[in-house]
Amino acid sequence: MDTLDFKKQYRELYAARPEPVLLTVPELPYLMIDGKGDPDGAEYAAAVSALYSVAYGIRGLLKSAGTVIYSVPPLSGQWDGGPTADRSDWTWTMMLQQPARAVDVVDEAFAGVRGKKPELPIDEVRWELFDEGECGQILHVGPYATEPPTRDRLMEFLAAQGRTIRGRHHEIYLSAPGRVAPEKLKTLIRYPVRVG
């Protein structure tokens, strides 16, 4: 059985560097779910639970088949809205990267989770190949509410590199809220970019 470590195989994508960088993110398979509202709200909690339920279903099927063993990678999310917006108006897409071999069992995983957790919005979760291409990325350490200065540093760097934003604000959560003190939370902030 193969062992997969997402943070090692995709080291550049998960590298926690405090200085801004440009990197190219290849097309990768993800489980995704869309929603709207406060990330402290019930809809968000149910959506993330559905996402993890399918991800763990896939992982279990691949392990049982003797195909691959791995830890589910960090949660990430794309966001519209920001510090000055009403949180109830935020829209988001929460995401979990998947191994390429997951495509072989994804339908079976969905079916299994639907039967076990009918209260969750399993049918809103989707499998998608996501291609971000060239991106700017920076590490933020601290509470999510204190991200604006870190984001500003990334924007200054991108402008100096002749790049402009061409996509949504993307966060990769290297630390789990509730398990790490707010001032020690590590979050990668990423934006797809274009020249000009």
C-alpha atoms as a PDB file:
ATOM      1  CA  MET A   1       0.000   0.000   0.000  1.00  0.00           C
ATOM      2  CA  ASP A   2       1.292   3.451  -0.912  1.00  0.00           C
ATOM      3  CA  THR A   3       1.594   6.227   1.671  1.00  0.00           C
ATOM      4  CA  LEU A   4       0.798   9.801   0.662  1.00  0.00           C
ATOM      5  CA  ASP A   5       1.789  12.924   2.557  1.00  0.00           C
ATOM      6  CA  PHE A   6       0.184  15.939   0.873  1.00  0.00           C
ATOM      7  CA  LYS A   7       2.442  18.418   2.685  1.00  0.00           C
ATOM      8  CA  LYS A   8       5.555  16.627   1.399  1.00  0.00           C
ATOM      9  CA  GLN A   9       4.358  15.855  -2.119  1.00  0.00           C
ATOM     10  CA  TYR A  10       3.085  19.415  -2.561  1.00  0.00           C
ATOM     11  CA  ARG A  11       5.671  21.047  -0.318  1.00  0.00           C
ATOM     12  CA  GLU A  12       5.659  24.389  -2.161  1.00  0.00           C
ATOM     13  CA  LEU A  13       1.867  24.713  -1.838  1.00  0.00           C
ATOM     14  CA  TYR A  14       1.856  24.163   1.928  1.00  0.00           C
ATOM     15  CA  ALA A  15       5.141  25.942   2.752  1.00  0.00           C
ATOM     16  CA  ALA A  16       4.596  28.296   5.679  1.00  0.00           C
ATOM     17  CA  ARG A  17       6.749  31.253   4.625  1.00  0.00           C
ATOM     18  CA  PRO A  18       6.225  34.668   6.225  1.00  0.00           C
ATOM     19  CA  GLU A  19       7.535  36.425   3.115  1.00  0.00           C
ATOM     20  CA  PRO A  20       5.289  36.656   0.039  1.00  0.00           C
ATOM     21  CA  VAL A  21       6.074  34.367  -2.897  1.00  0.00           C
ATOM     22  CA  LEU A  22       4.867  33.563  -6.396  1.00  0.00           C
ATOM     23  CA  LEU A  23       4.140  29.903  -7.101  1.00  0.00           C
ATOM     24  CA  THR A  24       2.332  27.802  -9.682  1.00  0.00           C
ATOM     25  CA  VAL A  25      -0.473  25.623  -8.368  1.00  0.00           C
ATOM     26  CA  PRO A  26      -1.188  22.658 -10.679  1.00  0.00           C
ATOM     27  CA  GLU A  27      -4.637  21.275 -11.443  1.00  0.00           C
ATOM     28  CA  LEU A  28      -5.617  19.150  -8.426  1.00  0.00           C
ATOM     29  CA  PRO A  29      -8.710  17.193  -7.375  1.00  0.00           C
ATOM     30  CA  TYR A  30     -10.807  18.617  -4.540  1.00  0.00           C
ATOM     31  CA  LEU A  31     -14.021  18.031  -2.699  1.00  0.00           C
ATOM     32  CA  MET A  32     -15.869  21.379  -2.546  1.00  0.00           C
ATOM     33  CA  ILE A  33     -19.020  22.831  -1.074  1.00  0.00           C
ATOM     34  CA  ASP A  34     -20.444  26.337  -1.552  1.00  0.00           C
ATOM     35  CA  GLY A  35     -22.365  28.423   0.931  1.00  0.00           C
ATOM     36  CA  LYS A  36     -23.295  31.821   2.217  1.00  0.00           C
ATOM     37  CA  GLY A  37     -23.248  33.258   5.706  1.00  0.00           C
ATOM     38  CA  ASP A  38     -21.296  33.659   8.885  1.00  0.00           C
ATOM     39  CA  PRO A  39     -18.501  31.093   9.275  1.00  0.00           C
ATOM     40  CA  ASP A  40     -19.598  30.786  12.914  1.00  0.00           C
ATOM     41  CA  GLY A  41     -23.107  29.829  11.776  1.00  0.00           C
ATOM     42  CA  ALA A  42     -24.970  26.520  11.535  1.00  0.00           C
ATOM     43  CA  GLU A  43     -24.957  26.385   7.703  1.00  0.00           C
ATOM     44  CA  TYR A  44     -21.184  26.673   7.574  1.00  0.00           C
ATOM     45  CA  ALA A  45     -20.722  24.023  10.295  1.00  0.00           C
ATOM     46  CA  ALA A  46     -23.007  21.578   8.463  1.00  0.00           C
ATOM     47  CA  ALA A  47     -21.241  22.230   5.148  1.00  0.00           C
ATOM     48  CA  VAL A  48     -17.785  21.574   6.607  1.00  0.00           C
ATOM     49  CA  SER A  49     -19.069  18.434   8.367  1.00  0.00           C
ATOM     50  CA  ALA A  50     -20.444  17.161   5.055  1.00  0.00           C
ATOM     51  CA  LEU A  51     -17.134  17.883   3.330  1.00  0.00           C
ATOM     52  CA  TYR A  52     -15.102  16.022   5.965  1.00  0.00           C
ATOM     53  CA  SER A  53     -17.581  13.116   6.031  1.00  0.00           C
ATOM     54  CA  VAL A  54     -17.108  12.480   2.302  1.00  0.00           C
ATOM     55  CA  ALA A  55     -13.321  12.977   2.576  1.00  0.00           C
ATOM     56  CA  TYR A  56     -13.045  10.427   5.395  1.00  0.00           C
ATOM     57  CA  GLY A  57     -15.321   8.072   3.444  1.00  0.00           C
ATOM     58  CA  ILE A  58     -12.940   8.246   0.484  1.00  0.00           C
ATOM     59  CA  ARG A  59      -9.923   7.757   2.716  1.00  0.00           C
ATOM     60  CA  GLY A  60     -11.499   4.703   4.357  1.00  0.00           C
ATOM     61  CA  LEU A  61     -12.377   3.085   1.026  1.00  0.00           C
ATOM     62  CA  LEU A  62      -8.870   3.627  -0.373  1.00  0.00           C
ATOM     63  CA  LYS A  63      -7.283   2.231   2.787  1.00  0.00           C
ATOM     64  CA  SER A  64      -9.621  -0.807   2.818  1.00  0.00           C
ATOM     65  CA  ALA A  65      -8.763  -1.497  -0.820  1.00  0.00           C
ATOM     66  CA  GLY A  66      -5.054  -1.448   0.035  1.00  0.00           C
ATOM     67  CA  THR A  67      -4.525   1.402  -2.428  1.00  0.00           C
ATOM     68  CA  VAL A  68      -3.168   4.328  -0.425  1.00  0.00           C
ATOM     69  CA  ILE A  69      -3.059   5.589   3.144  1.00  0.00           C
ATOM     70  CA  TYR A  70      -2.904   9.289   4.007  1.00  0.00           C
ATOM     71  CA  SER A  71      -4.029  11.965   6.414  1.00  0.00           C
ATOM     72  CA  VAL A  72      -6.792  14.246   5.178  1.00  0.00           C
ATOM     73  CA  PRO A  73      -5.031  17.497   4.195  1.00  0.00           C
ATOM     74  CA  PRO A  74      -5.789  20.919   5.697  1.00  0.00           C
ATOM     75  CA  LEU A  75      -9.142  22.541   5.056  1.00  0.00           C
ATOM     76  CA  SER A  76      -9.054  25.499   2.725  1.00  0.00           C
ATOM     77  CA  GLY A  77     -11.616  28.016   1.611  1.00  0.00           C
ATOM     78  CA  GLN A  78     -12.268  30.641  -1.017  1.00  0.00           C
ATOM     79  CA  TRP A  79     -14.046  33.735   0.296  1.00  0.00           C
ATOM     80  CA  ASP A  80     -15.975  36.729  -0.973  1.00  0.00           C
ATOM     81  CA  GLY A  81     -16.540  39.415   1.623  1.00  0.00           C
ATOM     82  CA  GLY A  82     -14.102  40.832   4.092  1.00  0.00           C
ATOM     83  CA  PRO A  83     -13.492  42.577   7.368  1.00  0.00           C
ATOM     84  CA  THR A  84     -15.871  45.450   6.587  1.00  0.00           C
ATOM     85  CA  ALA A  85     -18.670  43.297   5.136  1.00  0.00           C
ATOM     86  CA  ASP A  86     -21.580  41.883   7.125  1.00  0.00           C
ATOM     87  CA  ARG A  87     -20.545  38.276   7.855  1.00  0.00           C
ATOM     88  CA  SER A  88     -24.043  37.053   6.992  1.00  0.00           C
ATOM     89  CA  ASP A  89     -23.357  38.231   3.402  1.00  0.00           C
ATOM     90  CA  TRP A  90     -20.068  36.356   3.010  1.00  0.00           C
ATOM     91  CA  THR A  91     -20.020  33.659   0.324  1.00  0.00           C
ATOM     92  CA  TRP A  92     -17.541  30.814   0.477  1.00  0.00           C
ATOM     93  CA  THR A  93     -16.367  27.588  -1.085  1.00  0.00           C
ATOM     94  CA  MET A  94     -14.785  25.197   1.396  1.00  0.00           C
ATOM     95  CA  MET A  95     -12.352  22.659  -0.046  1.00  0.00           C
ATOM     96  CA  LEU A  96     -10.352  19.529   0.775  1.00  0.00           C
ATOM     97  CA  GLN A  97      -7.634  18.371  -1.629  1.00  0.00           C
ATOM     98  CA  GLN A  98      -7.920  14.698  -2.597  1.00  0.00           C
ATOM     99  CA  PRO A  99      -5.499  12.086  -3.927  1.00  0.00           C
ATOM    100  CA  ALA A 100      -5.815  11.384  -7.644  1.00  0.00           C
ATOM    101  CA  ARG A 101      -6.880   7.791  -6.899  1.00  0.00           C
ATOM    102  CA  ALA A 102      -9.930   9.049  -5.032  1.00  0.00           C
ATOM    103  CA  VAL A 103     -11.759   9.402  -8.351  1.00  0.00           C
ATOM    104  CA  ASP A 104     -12.134   5.593  -8.362  1.00  0.00           C
ATOM    105  CA  VAL A 105     -14.181   5.529  -5.139  1.00  0.00           C
ATOM    106  CA  VAL A 106     -15.785   8.970  -4.917  1.00  0.00           C
ATOM    107  CA  ASP A 107     -19.271   7.809  -5.963  1.00  0.00           C
ATOM    108  CA  GLU A 108     -19.169   4.935  -3.475  1.00  0.00           C
ATOM    109  CA  ALA A 109     -18.067   7.306  -0.722  1.00  0.00           C
ATOM    110  CA  PHE A 110     -20.933   9.699  -1.455  1.00  0.00           C
ATOM    111  CA  ALA A 111     -23.456   6.846  -1.352  1.00  0.00           C
ATOM    112  CA  GLY A 112     -22.106   5.525   1.934  1.00  0.00           C
ATOM    113  CA  VAL A 113     -22.093   8.892   3.680  1.00  0.00           C
ATOM    114  CA  ARG A 114     -25.610   9.769   2.430  1.00  0.00           C
ATOM    115  CA  GLY A 115     -26.916   6.673   4.189  1.00  0.00           C
ATOM    116  CA  LYS A 116     -25.035   7.280   7.434  1.00  0.00           C
ATOM    117  CA  LYS A 117     -25.501  11.053   7.763  1.00  0.00           C
ATOM    118  CA  PRO A 118     -28.757  12.082   6.075  1.00  0.00           C
ATOM    119  CA  GLU A 119     -28.911  15.273   8.158  1.00  0.00           C
ATOM    120  CA  LEU A 120     -25.855  16.710   6.383  1.00  0.00           C
ATOM    121  CA  PRO A 121     -25.930  18.464   2.972  1.00  0.00           C
ATOM    122  CA  ILE A 122     -23.962  15.662   1.286  1.00  0.00           C
ATOM    123  CA  ASP A 123     -25.564  16.325  -2.107  1.00  0.00           C
ATOM    124  CA  GLU A 124     -24.108  19.839  -2.088  1.00  0.00           C
ATOM    125  CA  VAL A 125     -20.549  18.472  -1.956  1.00  0.00           C
ATOM    126  CA  ARG A 126     -18.928  18.072  -5.358  1.00  0.00           C
ATOM    127  CA  TRP A 127     -15.766  16.589  -6.860  1.00  0.00           C
ATOM    128  CA  GLU A 128     -13.857  19.100  -8.977  1.00  0.00           C
ATOM    129  CA  LEU A 129     -10.516  19.487 -10.688  1.00  0.00           C
ATOM    130  CA  PHE A 130      -9.293  22.931  -9.658  1.00  0.00           C
ATOM    131  CA  ASP A 131      -6.538  24.747 -11.539  1.00  0.00           C
ATOM    132  CA  GLU A 132      -5.354  27.951  -9.839  1.00  0.00           C
ATOM    133  CA  GLY A 133      -2.252  28.454 -11.967  1.00  0.00           C
ATOM    134  CA  GLU A 134       0.118  31.226 -10.918  1.00  0.00           C
ATOM    135  CA  CYS A 135      -0.621  32.565  -7.430  1.00  0.00           C
ATOM    136  CA  GLY A 136       0.778  34.864  -4.795  1.00  0.00           C
ATOM    137  CA  GLN A 137       0.947  33.387  -1.300  1.00  0.00           C
ATOM    138  CA  ILE A 138       1.920  34.500   2.206  1.00  0.00           C
ATOM    139  CA  LEU A 139       1.701  33.057   5.721  1.00  0.00           C
ATOM    140  CA  HIS A 140      -0.456  34.829   8.293  1.00  0.00           C
ATOM    141  CA  VAL A 141       0.095  34.051  11.976  1.00  0.00           C
ATOM    142  CA  GLY A 142      -2.666  35.096  14.349  1.00  0.00           C
ATOM    143  CA  PRO A 143      -6.445  35.453  14.430  1.00  0.00           C
ATOM    144  CA  TYR A 144      -8.295  35.652  11.128  1.00  0.00           C
ATOM    145  CA  ALA A 145      -9.531  39.157  11.997  1.00  0.00           C
ATOM    146  CA  THR A 146      -5.926  40.425  11.922  1.00  0.00           C
ATOM    147  CA  GLU A 147      -5.243  39.284   8.335  1.00  0.00           C
ATOM    148  CA  PRO A 148      -5.575  42.700   6.562  1.00  0.00           C
ATOM    149  CA  PRO A 149      -1.960  43.891   7.155  1.00  0.00           C
ATOM    150  CA  THR A 150      -0.615  40.507   5.979  1.00  0.00           C
ATOM    151  CA  ARG A 151      -2.872  40.669   2.924  1.00  0.00           C
ATOM    152  CA  ASP A 152      -1.645  44.228   2.254  1.00  0.00           C
ATOM    153  CA  ARG A 153       1.978  43.010   2.279  1.00  0.00           C
ATOM    154  CA  LEU A 154       1.059  40.367  -0.282  1.00  0.00           C
ATOM    155  CA  MET A 155      -0.710  42.953  -2.462  1.00  0.00           C
ATOM    156  CA  GLU A 156       2.349  45.254  -2.364  1.00  0.00           C
ATOM    157  CA  PHE A 157       4.589  42.349  -3.358  1.00  0.00           C
ATOM    158  CA  LEU A 158       2.297  41.349  -6.229  1.00  0.00           C
ATOM    159  CA  ALA A 159       2.127  44.914  -7.531  1.00  0.00           C
ATOM    160  CA  ALA A 160       5.944  45.087  -7.465  1.00  0.00           C
ATOM    161  CA  GLN A 161       6.033  41.838  -9.472  1.00  0.00           C
ATOM    162  CA  GLY A 162       3.662  43.301 -12.083  1.00  0.00           C
ATOM    163  CA  ARG A 163       0.802  40.995 -11.095  1.00  0.00           C
ATOM    164  CA  THR A 164      -2.899  41.666 -10.553  1.00  0.00           C
ATOM    165  CA  ILE A 165      -5.518  39.539  -8.816  1.00  0.00           C
ATOM    166  CA  ARG A 166      -7.671  37.355 -11.086  1.00  0.00           C
ATOM    167  CA  GLY A 167      -9.584  35.237  -8.565  1.00  0.00           C
ATOM    168  CA  ARG A 168     -10.978  34.797  -5.085  1.00  0.00           C
ATOM    169  CA  HIS A 169      -9.295  35.170  -1.707  1.00  0.00           C
ATOM    170  CA  HIS A 170      -8.107  31.646  -0.795  1.00  0.00           C
ATOM    171  CA  GLU A 171      -7.082  30.543   2.692  1.00  0.00           C
ATOM    172  CA  ILE A 172      -5.395  27.268   3.680  1.00  0.00           C
ATOM    173  CA  TYR A 173      -5.784  26.500   7.387  1.00  0.00           C
ATOM    174  CA  LEU A 174      -2.555  24.967   8.662  1.00  0.00           C
ATOM    175  CA  SER A 175      -3.845  25.182  12.263  1.00  0.00           C
ATOM    176  CA  ALA A 176      -7.205  24.089  13.615  1.00  0.00           C
ATOM    177  CA  PRO A 177      -9.212  26.699  15.533  1.00  0.00           C
ATOM    178  CA  GLY A 178      -9.891  25.511  19.061  1.00  0.00           C
ATOM    179  CA  ARG A 179      -6.752  23.367  19.099  1.00  0.00           C
ATOM    180  CA  VAL A 180      -4.321  26.272  18.791  1.00  0.00           C
ATOM    181  CA  ALA A 181      -4.386  29.620  20.595  1.00  0.00           C
ATOM    182  CA  PRO A 182      -5.729  32.373  18.280  1.00  0.00           C
ATOM    183  CA  GLU A 183      -2.418  34.240  18.296  1.00  0.00           C
ATOM    184  CA  LYS A 184      -0.648  31.083  17.031  1.00  0.00           C
ATOM    185  CA  LEU A 185      -3.044  30.179  14.202  1.00  0.00           C
ATOM    186  CA  LYS A 186      -1.222  29.657  10.888  1.00  0.00           C
ATOM    187  CA  THR A 187      -3.123  30.463   7.701  1.00  0.00           C
ATOM    188  CA  LEU A 188      -1.796  30.631   4.159  1.00  0.00           C
ATOM    189  CA  ILE A 189      -3.352  33.443   2.135  1.00  0.00           C
ATOM    190  CA  ARG A 190      -3.333  32.830  -1.614  1.00  0.00           C
ATOM    191  CA  TYR A 191      -4.570  34.732  -4.668  1.00  0.00           C
ATOM    192  CA  PRO A 192      -4.544  33.633  -8.307  1.00  0.00           C
ATOM    193  CA  VAL A 193      -2.756  36.297 -10.353  1.00  0.00           C
ATOM    194  CA  ARG A 194      -2.081  37.441 -13.909  1.00  0.00           C
ATOM    195  CA  VAL A 195       0.631  39.611 -15.431  1.00  0.00           C
ATOM    196  CA  GLY A 196      -0.422  43.239 -15.804  1.00  0.00           C
END
